[in-house]
C-alpha atoms as a PDB file:
ATOM      1  CA  MET A   1     134.735  39.941  34.973  1.00  0.00           C
ATOM      2  CA  ALA A   2     130.978  39.723  35.468  1.00  0.00           C
ATOM      3  CA  GLU A   3     129.506  37.716  38.299  1.00  0.00           C
ATOM      4  CA  ASP A   4     126.403  36.853  40.248  1.00  0.00           C
ATOM      5  CA  SER A   5     126.032  35.240  43.653  1.00  0.00           C
ATOM      6  CA  GLY A   6     127.387  31.851  42.584  1.00  0.00           C
ATOM      7  CA  THR A   7     129.301  32.381  39.352  1.00  0.00           C
ATOM      8  CA  ALA A   8     132.013  34.496  37.790  1.00  0.00           C
ATOM      9  CA  VAL A   9     132.765  35.144  34.127  1.00  0.00           C
ATOM     10  CA  ILE A  10     136.437  35.389  33.176  1.00  0.00           C
ATOM     11  CA  ALA A  11     137.550  35.755  29.542  1.00  0.00           C
ATOM     12  CA  GLY A  12     133.967  35.034  28.555  1.00  0.00           C
ATOM     13  CA  VAL A  13     133.886  31.677  30.370  1.00  0.00           C
ATOM     14  CA  ARG A  14     131.441  31.040  33.191  1.00  0.00           C
ATOM     15  CA  LEU A  15     132.947  29.701  36.408  1.00  0.00           C
ATOM     16  CA  THR A  16     130.681  27.999  38.901  1.00  0.00           C
ATOM     17  CA  HIS A  17     131.564  28.123  42.603  1.00  0.00           C
ATOM     18  CA  PRO A  18     134.377  30.645  42.028  1.00  0.00           C
ATOM     19  CA  ASP A  19     135.134  30.856  45.741  1.00  0.00           C
ATOM     20  CA  LYS A  20     135.825  27.122  46.081  1.00  0.00           C
ATOM     21  CA  VAL A  21     139.268  26.656  47.634  1.00  0.00           C
ATOM     22  CA  LEU A  22     141.541  24.511  45.453  1.00  0.00           C
ATOM     23  CA  TYR A  23     144.799  25.003  47.371  1.00  0.00           C
ATOM     24  CA  PRO A  24     143.873  24.939  51.069  1.00  0.00           C
ATOM     25  CA  GLU A  25     147.368  25.822  52.316  1.00  0.00           C
ATOM     26  CA  GLN A  26     147.190  29.245  50.633  1.00  0.00           C
ATOM     27  CA  GLY A  27     143.416  29.572  50.433  1.00  0.00           C
ATOM     28  CA  THR A  28     143.751  29.836  46.638  1.00  0.00           C
ATOM     29  CA  THR A  29     140.306  29.799  45.060  1.00  0.00           C
ATOM     30  CA  LYS A  30     138.984  28.757  41.693  1.00  0.00           C
ATOM     31  CA  ARG A  31     138.547  32.441  40.805  1.00  0.00           C
ATOM     32  CA  ALA A  32     142.159  33.208  41.760  1.00  0.00           C
ATOM     33  CA  LEU A  33     143.407  30.322  39.624  1.00  0.00           C
ATOM     34  CA  ALA A  34     141.374  31.564  36.659  1.00  0.00           C
ATOM     35  CA  ASP A  35     142.762  35.071  37.181  1.00  0.00           C
ATOM     36  CA  TYR A  36     146.287  33.613  37.139  1.00  0.00           C
ATOM     37  CA  TYR A  37     145.741  31.843  33.822  1.00  0.00           C
ATOM     38  CA  ALA A  38     144.134  34.938  32.332  1.00  0.00           C
ATOM     39  CA  ALA A  39     147.219  36.939  33.366  1.00  0.00           C
ATOM     40  CA  VAL A  40     149.748  34.491  31.859  1.00  0.00           C
ATOM     41  CA  ALA A  41     147.692  33.486  28.811  1.00  0.00           C
ATOM     42  CA  SER A  42     149.591  35.645  26.315  1.00  0.00           C
ATOM     43  CA  SER A  43     152.877  33.999  27.370  1.00  0.00           C
ATOM     44  CA  MET A  44     151.473  30.508  27.881  1.00  0.00           C
ATOM     45  CA  LEU A  45     149.346  30.028  24.777  1.00  0.00           C
ATOM     46  CA  PRO A  46     152.240  29.940  22.265  1.00  0.00           C
ATOM     47  CA  HIS A  47     153.468  26.841  24.126  1.00  0.00           C
ATOM     48  CA  VAL A  48     150.085  25.194  24.687  1.00  0.00           C
ATOM     49  CA  ARG A  49     147.850  26.040  21.732  1.00  0.00           C
ATOM     50  CA  ARG A  50     146.690  23.073  19.618  1.00  0.00           C
ATOM     51  CA  ARG A  51     148.689  20.430  21.482  1.00  0.00           C
ATOM     52  CA  PRO A  52     146.926  17.324  22.829  1.00  0.00           C
ATOM     53  CA  ILE A  53     146.844  17.618  26.597  1.00  0.00           C
ATOM     54  CA  THR A  54     146.694  15.383  29.627  1.00  0.00           C
ATOM     55  CA  LEU A  55     145.015  16.970  32.628  1.00  0.00           C
ATOM     56  CA  LEU A  56     145.242  16.395  36.350  1.00  0.00           C
ATOM     57  CA  ARG A  57     141.819  17.261  37.703  1.00  0.00           C
ATOM     58  CA  CYS A  58     141.198  17.939  41.391  1.00  0.00           C
ATOM     59  CA  PRO A  59     137.580  19.197  41.420  1.00  0.00           C
ATOM     60  CA  ALA A  60     137.362  19.266  45.214  1.00  0.00           C
ATOM     61  CA  GLY A  61     140.835  20.736  45.697  1.00  0.00           C
ATOM     62  CA  ARG A  62     144.429  19.568  45.895  1.00  0.00           C
ATOM     63  CA  ARG A  63     144.000  17.483  49.044  1.00  0.00           C
ATOM     64  CA  ARG A  64     140.992  15.555  47.793  1.00  0.00           C
ATOM     65  CA  LYS A  65     140.661  12.955  45.049  1.00  0.00           C
ATOM     66  CA  CYS A  66     142.521  13.856  41.831  1.00  0.00           C
ATOM     67  CA  PHE A  67     142.526  11.983  38.523  1.00  0.00           C
ATOM     68  CA  TYR A  68     144.069  12.213  35.068  1.00  0.00           C
ATOM     69  CA  GLN A  69     142.097  12.858  31.883  1.00  0.00           C
ATOM     70  CA  ARG A  70     143.248  13.146  28.285  1.00  0.00           C
ATOM     71  CA  HIS A  71     140.100  12.320  26.320  1.00  0.00           C
ATOM     72  CA  ALA A  72     136.898  14.226  25.735  1.00  0.00           C
ATOM     73  CA  GLY A  73     133.831  13.097  27.629  1.00  0.00           C
ATOM     74  CA  SER A  74     130.745  14.295  29.429  1.00  0.00           C
ATOM     75  CA  GLY A  75     131.186  17.452  31.440  1.00  0.00           C
ATOM     76  CA  VAL A  76     133.828  18.990  29.164  1.00  0.00           C
ATOM     77  CA  PRO A  77     133.082  22.720  28.752  1.00  0.00           C
ATOM     78  CA  PRO A  78     132.455  23.947  25.170  1.00  0.00           C
ATOM     79  CA  PRO A  79     135.540  26.249  25.029  1.00  0.00           C
ATOM     80  CA  LEU A  80     137.773  23.160  25.014  1.00  0.00           C
ATOM     81  CA  SER A  81     138.518  21.643  21.617  1.00  0.00           C
ATOM     82  CA  GLU A  82     138.666  17.978  20.566  1.00  0.00           C
ATOM     83  CA  ALA A  83     140.636  16.113  17.903  1.00  0.00           C
ATOM     84  CA  ASP A  84     140.878  12.504  16.786  1.00  0.00           C
ATOM     85  CA  ILE A  85     144.504  11.372  16.609  1.00  0.00           C
ATOM     86  CA  PRO A  86     145.291   8.910  13.783  1.00  0.00           C
ATOM     87  CA  GLY A  87     146.355   5.597  15.270  1.00  0.00           C
ATOM     88  CA  PHE A  88     144.663   6.348  18.568  1.00  0.00           C
ATOM     89  CA  GLU A  89     141.032   6.581  17.422  1.00  0.00           C
ATOM     90  CA  THR A  90     139.837   3.743  19.654  1.00  0.00           C
ATOM     91  CA  SER A  91     140.883   5.736  22.711  1.00  0.00           C
ATOM     92  CA  GLY A  92     138.549   8.597  21.853  1.00  0.00           C
ATOM     93  CA  ALA A  93     139.098  12.216  20.909  1.00  0.00           C
ATOM     94  CA  TYR A  94     141.923  14.088  22.608  1.00  0.00           C
ATOM     95  CA  LEU A  95     141.437  17.454  24.257  1.00  0.00           C
ATOM     96  CA  TYR A  96     143.377  20.571  23.319  1.00  0.00           C
ATOM     97  CA  VAL A  97     143.333  24.306  24.007  1.00  0.00           C
ATOM     98  CA  ALA A  98     142.825  26.782  21.173  1.00  0.00           C
ATOM     99  CA  GLY A  99     142.757  30.062  23.107  1.00  0.00           C
ATOM    100  CA  ILE A 100     142.397  31.777  26.468  1.00  0.00           C
ATOM    101  CA  GLU A 101     138.836  30.509  26.772  1.00  0.00           C
ATOM    102  CA  GLY A 102     140.177  26.966  26.798  1.00  0.00           C
ATOM    103  CA  LEU A 103     142.572  27.750  29.647  1.00  0.00           C
ATOM    104  CA  ILE A 104     139.762  29.167  31.761  1.00  0.00           C
ATOM    105  CA  ALA A 105     137.556  26.195  30.880  1.00  0.00           C
ATOM    106  CA  LEU A 106     140.235  23.956  32.379  1.00  0.00           C
ATOM    107  CA  VAL A 107     139.903  25.848  35.647  1.00  0.00           C
ATOM    108  CA  GLN A 108     136.149  25.314  35.525  1.00  0.00           C
ATOM    109  CA  MET A 109     136.921  21.567  35.336  1.00  0.00           C
ATOM    110  CA  GLY A 110     139.132  21.762  38.428  1.00  0.00           C
ATOM    111  CA  VAL A 111     142.350  21.201  36.483  1.00  0.00           C
ATOM    112  CA  LEU A 112     145.476  21.863  38.555  1.00  0.00           C
ATOM    113  CA  GLU A 113     148.060  20.508  36.087  1.00  0.00           C
ATOM    114  CA  ILE A 114     148.323  20.693  32.284  1.00  0.00           C
ATOM    115  CA  HIS A 115     150.680  18.310  30.482  1.00  0.00           C
ATOM    116  CA  LEU A 116     151.517  18.587  26.771  1.00  0.00           C
ATOM    117  CA  TRP A 117     152.368  16.353  23.850  1.00  0.00           C
ATOM    118  CA  ASN A 118     155.478  17.246  21.854  1.00  0.00           C
ATOM    119  CA  ALA A 119     153.342  17.551  18.711  1.00  0.00           C
ATOM    120  CA  LYS A 120     150.242  19.430  17.588  1.00  0.00           C
ATOM    121  CA  VAL A 121     146.870  18.096  16.550  1.00  0.00           C
ATOM    122  CA  ASP A 122     147.352  18.903  12.849  1.00  0.00           C
ATOM    123  CA  ARG A 123     150.566  16.783  12.604  1.00  0.00           C
ATOM    124  CA  PRO A 124     150.552  14.381  15.549  1.00  0.00           C
ATOM    125  CA  ASP A 125     153.012  12.122  13.707  1.00  0.00           C
ATOM    126  CA  ARG A 126     155.684  14.842  13.596  1.00  0.00           C
ATOM    127  CA  PRO A 127     156.972  16.235  16.913  1.00  0.00           C
ATOM    128  CA  ASP A 128     157.955  19.892  16.914  1.00  0.00           C
ATOM    129  CA  ARG A 129     159.997  19.804  20.095  1.00  0.00           C
ATOM    130  CA  ILE A 130     162.231  17.504  22.134  1.00  0.00           C
ATOM    131  CA  VAL A 131     162.128  17.582  25.935  1.00  0.00           C
ATOM    132  CA  PHE A 132     164.959  16.578  28.255  1.00  0.00           C
ATOM    133  CA  ASP A 133     163.796  16.153  31.858  1.00  0.00           C
ATOM    134  CA  LEU A 134     166.600  16.678  34.370  1.00  0.00           C
ATOM    135  CA  ASP A 135     165.595  14.794  37.499  1.00  0.00           C
ATOM    136  CA  PRO A 136     167.844  14.958  40.584  1.00  0.00           C
ATOM    137  CA  GLY A 137     168.552  11.925  42.707  1.00  0.00           C
ATOM    138  CA  GLU A 138     168.760  12.081  46.475  1.00  0.00           C
ATOM    139  CA  GLY A 139     171.701  14.244  47.495  1.00  0.00           C
ATOM    140  CA  ALA A 140     171.813  16.270  44.280  1.00  0.00           C
ATOM    141  CA  GLY A 141     171.001  19.939  44.785  1.00  0.00           C
ATOM    142  CA  PHE A 142     169.676  22.684  42.565  1.00  0.00           C
ATOM    143  CA  ALA A 143     173.214  23.798  41.701  1.00  0.00           C
ATOM    144  CA  ASP A 144     173.792  20.320  40.263  1.00  0.00           C
ATOM    145  CA  ILE A 145     170.598  20.503  38.209  1.00  0.00           C
ATOM    146  CA  ALA A 146     171.489  23.974  36.954  1.00  0.00           C
ATOM    147  CA  ALA A 147     174.944  22.734  35.941  1.00  0.00           C
ATOM    148  CA  ALA A 148     173.349  19.817  34.088  1.00  0.00           C
ATOM    149  CA  ALA A 149     171.066  22.214  32.242  1.00  0.00           C
ATOM    150  CA  ARG A 150     174.020  24.407  31.246  1.00  0.00           C
ATOM    151  CA  THR A 151     175.953  21.377  30.023  1.00  0.00           C
ATOM    152  CA  LEU A 152     173.028  20.090  28.000  1.00  0.00           C
ATOM    153  CA  ARG A 153     172.282  23.468  26.454  1.00  0.00           C
ATOM    154  CA  ASP A 154     175.974  23.963  25.638  1.00  0.00           C
ATOM    155  CA  VAL A 155     176.001  20.611  23.825  1.00  0.00           C
ATOM    156  CA  LEU A 156     172.932  21.596  21.831  1.00  0.00           C
ATOM    157  CA  ASP A 157     174.376  25.043  21.129  1.00  0.00           C
ATOM    158  CA  GLY A 158     177.494  23.334  19.798  1.00  0.00           C
ATOM    159  CA  MET A 159     175.273  21.573  17.266  1.00  0.00           C
ATOM    160  CA  GLY A 160     173.729  24.880  16.244  1.00  0.00           C
ATOM    161  CA  LEU A 161     170.474  24.045  18.069  1.00  0.00           C
ATOM    162  CA  ALA A 162     168.781  26.713  20.196  1.00  0.00           C
ATOM    163  CA  SER A 163     166.956  25.416  23.268  1.00  0.00           C
ATOM    164  CA  PHE A 164     165.223  27.006  26.221  1.00  0.00           C
ATOM    165  CA  LEU A 165     164.977  26.202  29.908  1.00  0.00           C
ATOM    166  CA  LYS A 166     161.862  25.858  32.013  1.00  0.00           C
ATOM    167  CA  THR A 167     161.037  24.932  35.556  1.00  0.00           C
ATOM    168  CA  THR A 168     158.749  22.028  36.384  1.00  0.00           C
ATOM    169  CA  GLY A 169     157.092  23.209  39.568  1.00  0.00           C
ATOM    170  CA  GLY A 170     159.158  20.524  41.310  1.00  0.00           C
ATOM    171  CA  LYS A 171     162.820  19.740  41.879  1.00  0.00           C
ATOM    172  CA  GLY A 172     163.850  19.282  38.268  1.00  0.00           C
ATOM    173  CA  LEU A 173     164.282  21.361  35.137  1.00  0.00           C
ATOM    174  CA  HIS A 174     163.305  20.829  31.515  1.00  0.00           C
ATOM    175  CA  VAL A 175     165.463  21.709  28.542  1.00  0.00           C
ATOM    176  CA  VAL A 176     163.167  22.126  25.542  1.00  0.00           C
ATOM    177  CA  LEU A 177     164.478  21.987  21.982  1.00  0.00           C
ATOM    178  CA  PRO A 178     162.089  23.245  19.272  1.00  0.00           C
ATOM    179  CA  ILE A 179     162.534  21.322  16.023  1.00  0.00           C
ATOM    180  CA  ALA A 180     161.110  21.535  12.533  1.00  0.00           C
ATOM    181  CA  ARG A 181     158.325  19.055  11.861  1.00  0.00           C
ATOM    182  CA  ARG A 182     160.383  16.877   9.534  1.00  0.00           C
ATOM    183  CA  HIS A 183     161.195  13.949  11.805  1.00  0.00           C
ATOM    184  CA  ALA A 184     159.292  10.908  13.017  1.00  0.00           C
ATOM    185  CA  TRP A 185     158.911  10.226  16.717  1.00  0.00           C
ATOM    186  CA  ALA A 186     161.504   7.453  16.617  1.00  0.00           C
ATOM    187  CA  GLU A 187     164.076   9.815  15.108  1.00  0.00           C
ATOM    188  CA  ALA A 188     163.423  12.493  17.728  1.00  0.00           C
ATOM    189  CA  LYS A 189     163.707   9.986  20.567  1.00  0.00           C
ATOM    190  CA  ALA A 190     166.883   8.459  19.129  1.00  0.00           C
ATOM    191  CA  PHE A 191     168.464  11.912  18.910  1.00  0.00           C
ATOM    192  CA  ALA A 192     167.484  12.720  22.510  1.00  0.00           C
ATOM    193  CA  ARG A 193     168.851   9.397  23.707  1.00  0.00           C
ATOM    194  CA  GLY A 194     172.126   9.933  21.875  1.00  0.00           C
ATOM    195  CA  VAL A 195     172.624  13.365  23.420  1.00  0.00           C
ATOM    196  CA  ALA A 196     171.756  12.119  26.909  1.00  0.00           C
ATOM    197  CA  GLU A 197     174.032   9.085  26.640  1.00  0.00           C
ATOM    198  CA  ALA A 198     176.948  11.177  25.373  1.00  0.00           C
ATOM    199  CA  ILE A 199     176.668  13.577  28.313  1.00  0.00           C
ATOM    200  CA  ALA A 200     176.359  10.717  30.814  1.00  0.00           C
ATOM    201  CA  ALA A 201     179.356   8.907  29.293  1.00  0.00           C
ATOM    202  CA  ASP A 202     181.453  12.057  29.590  1.00  0.00           C
ATOM    203  CA  ALA A 203     180.609  12.543  33.293  1.00  0.00           C
ATOM    204  CA  PRO A 204     179.271   9.239  34.678  1.00  0.00           C
ATOM    205  CA  THR A 205     179.629  10.289  38.309  1.00  0.00           C
ATOM    206  CA  ARG A 206     177.279  13.226  37.711  1.00  0.00           C
ATOM    207  CA  TYR A 207     174.752  11.992  35.150  1.00  0.00           C
ATOM    208  CA  LEU A 208     172.956   8.805  34.133  1.00  0.00           C
ATOM    209  CA  VAL A 209     170.310   7.787  31.634  1.00  0.00           C
ATOM    210  CA  ARG A 210     168.958   4.727  33.469  1.00  0.00           C
ATOM    211  CA  GLN A 211     165.778   5.088  35.507  1.00  0.00           C
ATOM    212  CA  SER A 212     167.104   3.135  38.493  1.00  0.00           C
ATOM    213  CA  LYS A 213     166.575   5.214  41.637  1.00  0.00           C
ATOM    214  CA  ALA A 214     169.194   3.168  43.454  1.00  0.00           C
ATOM    215  CA  GLU A 215     171.828   4.346  40.973  1.00  0.00           C
ATOM    216  CA  ARG A 216     170.580   7.917  40.938  1.00  0.00           C
ATOM    217  CA  ARG A 217     171.832   9.001  44.359  1.00  0.00           C
ATOM    218  CA  GLY A 218     173.891  12.190  44.032  1.00  0.00           C
ATOM    219  CA  ARG A 219     173.434  12.231  40.261  1.00  0.00           C
ATOM    220  CA  ILE A 220     171.096  13.756  37.691  1.00  0.00           C
ATOM    221  CA  PHE A 221     168.889  11.481  35.608  1.00  0.00           C
ATOM    222  CA  ILE A 222     168.728  12.838  32.042  1.00  0.00           C
ATOM    223  CA  ASP A 223     165.310  11.549  31.033  1.00  0.00           C
ATOM    224  CA  TYR A 224     164.846  11.396  27.261  1.00  0.00           C
ATOM    225  CA  LEU A 225     161.776   9.139  27.450  1.00  0.00           C
ATOM    226  CA  ARG A 226     159.270  11.990  27.179  1.00  0.00           C
ATOM    227  CA  ASN A 227     159.818  11.917  23.428  1.00  0.00           C
ATOM    228  CA  ASP A 228     157.320   9.213  22.539  1.00  0.00           C
ATOM    229  CA  PRO A 229     153.797   9.626  21.141  1.00  0.00           C
ATOM    230  CA  THR A 230     151.339  10.298  24.008  1.00  0.00           C
ATOM    231  CA  ALA A 231     154.218  10.998  26.425  1.00  0.00           C
ATOM    232  CA  THR A 232     153.815  14.420  27.991  1.00  0.00           C
ATOM    233  CA  ALA A 233     155.663  17.096  29.945  1.00  0.00           C
ATOM    234  CA  VAL A 234     154.166  19.724  32.206  1.00  0.00           C
ATOM    235  CA  ALA A 235     153.187  22.846  30.278  1.00  0.00           C
ATOM    236  CA  PRO A 236     155.083  26.100  30.709  1.00  0.00           C
ATOM    237  CA  TYR A 237     153.238  28.224  33.301  1.00  0.00           C
ATOM    238  CA  SER A 238     151.031  25.328  34.420  1.00  0.00           C
ATOM    239  CA  THR A 239     150.348  25.103  38.115  1.00  0.00           C
ATOM    240  CA  ARG A 240     151.097  21.862  39.967  1.00  0.00           C
ATOM    241  CA  ALA A 241     148.861  20.004  42.417  1.00  0.00           C
ATOM    242  CA  ARG A 242     151.436  20.363  45.186  1.00  0.00           C
ATOM    243  CA  PRO A 243     151.771  22.318  48.425  1.00  0.00           C
ATOM    244  CA  GLY A 244     152.495  25.970  47.759  1.00  0.00           C
ATOM    245  CA  ALA A 245     150.676  26.023  44.402  1.00  0.00           C
ATOM    246  CA  PRO A 246     153.948  26.056  42.413  1.00  0.00           C
ATOM    247  CA  ALA A 247     153.984  26.780  38.688  1.00  0.00           C
ATOM    248  CA  ALA A 248     156.352  25.857  35.844  1.00  0.00           C
ATOM    249  CA  PRO A 249     157.414  29.019  33.985  1.00  0.00           C
ATOM    250  CA  PRO A 250     160.431  29.293  31.680  1.00  0.00           C
ATOM    251  CA  ARG A 251     163.573  30.420  33.485  1.00  0.00           C
ATOM    252  CA  PRO A 252     164.896  33.960  33.002  1.00  0.00           C
ATOM    253  CA  GLY A 253     167.421  33.907  30.214  1.00  0.00           C
ATOM    254  CA  GLY A 254     165.918  30.695  28.901  1.00  0.00           C
ATOM    255  CA  ALA A 255     163.217  32.200  26.714  1.00  0.00           C
ATOM    256  CA  PRO A 256     162.070  30.207  23.696  1.00  0.00           C
ATOM    257  CA  PRO A 257     164.035  30.904  20.514  1.00  0.00           C
ATOM    258  CA  PRO A 258     162.247  31.731  17.262  1.00  0.00           C
ATOM    259  CA  ARG A 259     160.252  28.813  15.867  1.00  0.00           C
ATOM    260  CA  PRO A 260     162.183  26.939  13.161  1.00  0.00           C
ATOM    261  CA  ALA A 261     160.752  26.520   9.698  1.00  0.00           C
ATOM    262  CA  GLN A 262     158.027  23.902   9.450  1.00  0.00           C
END
């Protein structure tokens, strides 16, 4: 890392104001955040590389104004890549990360959260993963969420489908199912809905698939709705713009299985 009085260079990317505090509770600086992403890049990039991304930017830090961005525009550092998505051209080019330089460029932009599509820029019409978001209602604890994750993964295992588990940096968990790029979005979503509804029907006092918060008390919402085009889920290893600077790594024992044939 090279630096002068007002900049630092990490993974070949120039950071301005590296000592700016982004997480005031911990005093976590822009430089420290860049160092974190440099350290996890080899584990994170296989999940993130070449996927359209939605970013939560907090240039002045977590407690100040934050905003979402998914399209290229002025002020985007050169290490970030851009792609036009067929069917969404009028919205503008989408951003994606191609390598470690892109991750560090996100830090330069003040990005505190990275959210991913379930497809890649070369085949945006064919998802390569399905995400189930397990969201606890009031009164449901982590043991309940963990049990839901085990149940869901057991169901998928019973179909011969290998999934992995990741945290979200919040209260919930994600079960991620890599799939071959043979299916349209509607097929992937229909499959996810069918699995979620079957689990909820088998244990209706523990699980539900409706979004109603009033009905969610003491139960786990199995959210299959992240399986639409442009819908996103927080990236593995991404930080969150929340107190404590939490991150969203895969859970031990829930490592990604080998990628299926494309």
